[in-house]
Amino acid sequence: MGTTTFGILLIAVGALLLADRIGYLDFGQVVSTWWPSLLVLVGLTQLRHRTTRWFGWILVAGGGLWQLSRLGLLPAGLAQAFWPLLLILLGLLLVFRGGWQDGYLHEGDASFGSMALFSSRNHVVKTDNLRKAQVTAVFADTDVDLREAKLDSDGAYVDLVAIFGDIDVIVPPTWQVDLKTASILGDVRDRRAPAGEGPAPMLTIGGVAVFGDIEIRS
């Protein structure tokens, strides 16, 4: 989930709250009925990258079944078993992925994505033409090492979303970095040494920290 998705979510919630205030609909009823669809939408955004595809399918499948259950469209037996099955699925996810630190090496990827949930991830990027990356950490820690990477001739954009999690980005000391981040009860820290004078590769970092931390260092 990137900043665009997060921004659309905030707009949608604000619009529903406004409609509730003017008496057009019942905010509580709409959210309680349709909020699993948000899981499906977030899951669809994770299917674009191979490192987040597994998580995207989990959100799409789980959110879809949950939505059908809320609408009363599941068979009675399956509806009764839905919550126990969901708890089992989440438990398996934590057991087999949550306790591990996943390491990823990106050598020929001009773009990549990462979604970490209740886990730790370490990305080492060695590509020669990095253009775009999207990294999300939810109750998780993620490190992105760009020291051996080279940027595309037009620069690169990295989108970071930390929700109750931490993201550390390590960049070469010669790079120029343009920070366009926001924080909501979180913190964004730039701990780099000042870059030298003269032309240098430009990396633009956008994103948001929500009850989380984003740190840029060299």
Protein backbone atom coordinates (compact mmCIF):
# COMPACT_ATOMS: atom_id res chain seq x y z
CA MET A 1 0.00 0.00 0.00
CA GLY A 2 1.62 3.22 -1.18
CA THR A 3 0.89 6.82 -0.27
CA THR A 4 -1.59 7.14 -3.14
CA THR A 5 -3.66 4.23 -1.82
CA PHE A 6 -3.41 5.57 1.72
CA GLY A 7 -4.49 9.03 0.55
CA ILE A 8 -7.49 7.61 -1.34
CA LEU A 9 -8.45 5.72 1.80
CA LEU A 10 -8.38 8.92 3.87
CA ILE A 11 -10.46 10.74 1.24
CA ALA A 12 -13.04 7.93 1.21
CA VAL A 13 -13.34 7.87 5.01
CA GLY A 14 -13.65 11.66 5.11
CA ALA A 15 -16.36 11.62 2.43
CA LEU A 16 -18.32 8.96 4.29
CA LEU A 17 -18.05 10.91 7.56
CA LEU A 18 -19.27 14.05 5.80
CA ALA A 19 -22.21 12.17 4.29
CA ASP A 20 -23.04 10.82 7.75
CA ARG A 21 -22.97 14.32 9.28
CA ILE A 22 -25.44 15.68 6.73
CA GLY A 23 -27.75 12.70 7.20
CA TYR A 24 -27.22 11.10 3.81
CA LEU A 25 -26.12 7.69 5.17
CA ASP A 26 -25.19 5.83 8.34
CA PHE A 27 -21.39 5.79 8.52
CA GLY A 28 -21.28 2.95 11.05
CA GLN A 29 -23.59 0.76 8.99
CA VAL A 30 -21.66 1.35 5.75
CA VAL A 31 -18.27 0.66 7.33
CA SER A 32 -19.41 -2.44 9.22
CA THR A 33 -20.88 -3.88 6.01
CA TRP A 34 -18.31 -2.96 3.37
CA TRP A 35 -14.95 -2.51 5.08
CA PRO A 36 -13.65 -5.98 4.03
CA SER A 37 -13.70 -4.67 0.47
CA LEU A 38 -10.82 -2.39 1.48
CA LEU A 39 -8.72 -5.49 2.16
CA VAL A 40 -9.46 -6.69 -1.36
CA LEU A 41 -8.47 -3.33 -2.88
CA VAL A 42 -5.23 -3.18 -0.88
CA GLY A 43 -4.51 -6.78 -1.87
CA LEU A 44 -4.95 -5.96 -5.55
CA THR A 45 -2.33 -3.21 -5.27
CA GLN A 46 0.15 -5.78 -3.89
CA LEU A 47 -0.17 -8.13 -6.87
CA ARG A 48 2.05 -5.95 -9.05
CA HIS A 49 5.32 -7.01 -7.41
CA ARG A 50 6.52 -10.56 -6.93
CA THR A 51 7.79 -9.93 -3.37
CA THR A 52 4.33 -8.79 -2.21
CA ARG A 53 2.19 -11.06 -4.40
CA TRP A 54 1.74 -13.72 -1.72
CA PHE A 55 0.41 -11.12 0.71
CA GLY A 56 -1.84 -9.64 -1.95
CA TRP A 57 -3.52 -12.98 -2.63
CA ILE A 58 -4.08 -13.50 1.09
CA LEU A 59 -5.80 -10.11 1.36
CA VAL A 60 -7.88 -10.67 -1.77
CA ALA A 61 -9.01 -14.16 -0.69
CA GLY A 62 -9.54 -13.32 2.97
CA GLY A 63 -11.18 -9.97 2.30
CA GLY A 64 -13.40 -11.44 -0.42
CA LEU A 65 -14.66 -14.24 1.81
CA TRP A 66 -15.12 -11.80 4.68
CA GLN A 67 -17.16 -9.49 2.44
CA LEU A 68 -19.37 -12.35 1.28
CA SER A 69 -19.88 -13.32 4.91
CA ARG A 70 -20.91 -9.76 5.82
CA LEU A 71 -23.42 -9.74 2.96
CA GLY A 72 -24.84 -13.11 3.99
CA LEU A 73 -23.84 -14.76 0.72
CA LEU A 74 -21.82 -17.64 2.17
CA PRO A 75 -23.43 -21.02 2.88
CA ALA A 76 -24.44 -21.34 6.52
CA GLY A 77 -21.77 -23.92 7.37
CA LEU A 78 -18.96 -21.95 5.77
CA ALA A 79 -20.13 -18.71 7.38
CA GLN A 80 -20.00 -20.33 10.82
CA ALA A 81 -16.51 -21.66 10.16
CA PHE A 82 -15.20 -18.38 8.71
CA TRP A 83 -13.75 -16.83 11.87
CA PRO A 84 -12.01 -20.01 13.09
CA LEU A 85 -10.51 -20.50 9.61
CA LEU A 86 -9.36 -16.87 9.51
CA LEU A 87 -7.66 -17.22 12.91
CA ILE A 88 -5.94 -20.41 11.75
CA LEU A 89 -4.76 -18.67 8.56
CA LEU A 90 -3.38 -15.69 10.49
CA GLY A 91 -1.71 -18.01 12.97
CA LEU A 92 0.00 -19.96 10.19
CA LEU A 93 1.12 -16.69 8.63
CA LEU A 94 2.74 -15.56 11.87
CA VAL A 95 4.34 -18.95 12.54
CA PHE A 96 5.83 -19.49 9.10
CA ARG A 97 6.63 -15.89 8.12
CA GLY A 98 6.35 -13.58 11.12
CA GLY A 99 9.36 -14.92 12.99
CA TRP A 100 11.66 -14.87 9.98
CA GLN A 101 13.76 -12.11 8.54
CA ASP A 102 13.35 -12.24 4.79
CA GLY A 103 16.29 -11.12 2.67
CA TYR A 104 15.94 -10.02 -0.94
CA LEU A 105 18.63 -9.20 -3.50
CA HIS A 106 17.62 -6.98 -6.43
CA GLU A 107 20.27 -7.06 -9.18
CA GLY A 108 18.41 -6.38 -12.42
CA ASP A 109 15.15 -4.81 -11.27
CA ALA A 110 14.40 -1.24 -12.34
CA SER A 111 11.53 -1.30 -9.84
CA PHE A 112 10.48 -3.44 -6.90
CA GLY A 113 7.89 -3.56 -4.15
CA SER A 114 7.82 -4.85 -0.60
CA MET A 115 5.02 -5.46 1.91
CA ALA A 116 6.03 -6.58 5.40
CA LEU A 117 3.44 -7.57 8.03
CA PHE A 118 4.50 -8.66 11.51
CA SER A 119 7.95 -9.50 10.17
CA SER A 120 11.36 -8.11 9.21
CA ARG A 121 12.71 -7.63 5.70
CA ASN A 122 16.09 -6.69 4.31
CA HIS A 123 16.45 -5.51 0.71
CA VAL A 124 19.87 -5.15 -0.92
CA VAL A 125 19.60 -3.33 -4.24
CA LYS A 126 22.39 -3.67 -6.82
CA THR A 127 20.53 -2.70 -9.98
CA ASP A 128 22.13 -0.33 -12.50
CA ASN A 129 18.96 1.61 -13.38
CA LEU A 130 16.70 1.95 -10.35
CA ARG A 131 13.60 3.97 -11.24
CA LYS A 132 10.94 3.18 -8.65
CA ALA A 133 10.36 1.29 -5.42
CA GLN A 134 7.41 0.98 -3.08
CA VAL A 135 8.00 -0.28 0.46
CA THR A 136 5.33 -0.78 3.12
CA ALA A 137 5.89 -1.93 6.71
CA VAL A 138 2.89 -2.67 8.95
CA PHE A 139 3.89 -3.73 12.46
CA ALA A 140 7.19 -4.63 10.84
CA ASP A 141 10.78 -3.49 10.22
CA THR A 142 12.29 -3.10 6.76
CA ASP A 143 15.81 -2.14 5.68
CA VAL A 144 16.53 -0.96 2.14
CA ASP A 145 20.24 -0.85 1.25
CA LEU A 146 20.91 1.25 -1.88
CA ARG A 147 24.66 1.70 -1.43
CA GLU A 148 25.49 -0.57 -4.39
CA ALA A 149 22.67 0.66 -6.62
CA LYS A 150 22.77 3.11 -9.50
CA LEU A 151 19.88 5.37 -10.34
CA ASP A 152 18.20 5.75 -13.70
CA SER A 153 19.45 8.74 -15.72
CA ASP A 154 16.19 10.56 -14.90
CA GLY A 155 16.46 9.80 -11.19
CA ALA A 156 14.32 7.49 -9.07
CA TYR A 157 11.32 7.66 -6.75
CA VAL A 158 10.93 5.56 -3.60
CA ASP A 159 7.54 5.46 -1.87
CA LEU A 160 7.63 4.50 1.84
CA VAL A 161 4.68 3.72 4.12
CA ALA A 162 5.40 2.84 7.76
CA ILE A 163 2.32 2.02 9.87
CA PHE A 164 3.30 0.99 13.40
CA GLY A 165 6.60 -0.04 11.84
CA ASP A 166 10.08 1.19 10.93
CA ILE A 167 11.76 1.64 7.55
CA ASP A 168 15.49 2.40 7.22
CA VAL A 169 16.91 3.47 3.87
CA ILE A 170 20.68 3.53 3.35
CA VAL A 171 21.93 5.60 0.41
CA PRO A 172 25.40 6.42 -0.96
CA PRO A 173 26.81 9.64 0.55
CA THR A 174 27.17 11.24 -2.91
CA TRP A 175 23.48 11.05 -3.82
CA GLN A 176 21.14 14.01 -3.69
CA VAL A 177 17.94 13.14 -1.80
CA ASP A 178 14.69 15.09 -2.02
CA LEU A 179 12.39 14.20 0.90
CA LYS A 180 8.66 14.59 0.31
CA THR A 181 7.33 12.67 3.28
CA ALA A 182 4.66 13.27 5.90
CA SER A 183 4.11 11.90 9.39
CA ILE A 184 0.98 11.24 11.43
CA LEU A 185 2.04 10.68 15.03
CA GLY A 186 5.23 9.24 13.57
CA ASP A 187 8.73 10.46 12.77
CA VAL A 188 10.80 10.95 9.61
CA ARG A 189 14.53 11.46 10.20
CA ASP A 190 17.26 12.37 7.74
CA ARG A 191 20.61 11.37 9.27
CA ARG A 192 22.73 11.69 6.13
CA ALA A 193 25.93 13.67 5.99
CA PRO A 194 25.67 16.70 3.66
CA ALA A 195 26.21 15.71 0.02
CA GLY A 196 29.13 17.22 -1.84
CA GLU A 197 28.86 20.01 -4.37
CA GLY A 198 28.23 19.39 -8.06
CA PRO A 199 25.80 17.21 -10.03
CA ALA A 200 24.76 13.98 -8.39
CA PRO A 201 22.06 11.34 -8.86
CA MET A 202 18.68 12.51 -7.54
CA LEU A 203 16.59 10.20 -5.40
CA THR A 204 13.11 11.42 -4.44
CA ILE A 205 11.65 9.79 -1.34
CA GLY A 206 7.94 10.17 -0.63
CA GLY A 207 5.66 8.46 1.80
CA VAL A 208 4.10 8.65 5.24
CA ALA A 209 4.87 7.41 8.74
CA VAL A 210 1.77 6.62 10.81
CA PHE A 211 2.73 5.71 14.38
CA GLY A 212 5.99 4.60 12.81
CA ASP A 213 9.47 5.80 11.86
CA ILE A 214 11.27 6.39 8.57
CA GLU A 215 15.02 6.99 8.67
CA ILE A 216 17.34 7.94 5.82
CA ARG A 217 21.08 7.49 6.39
CA SER A 218 24.31 7.01 4.48
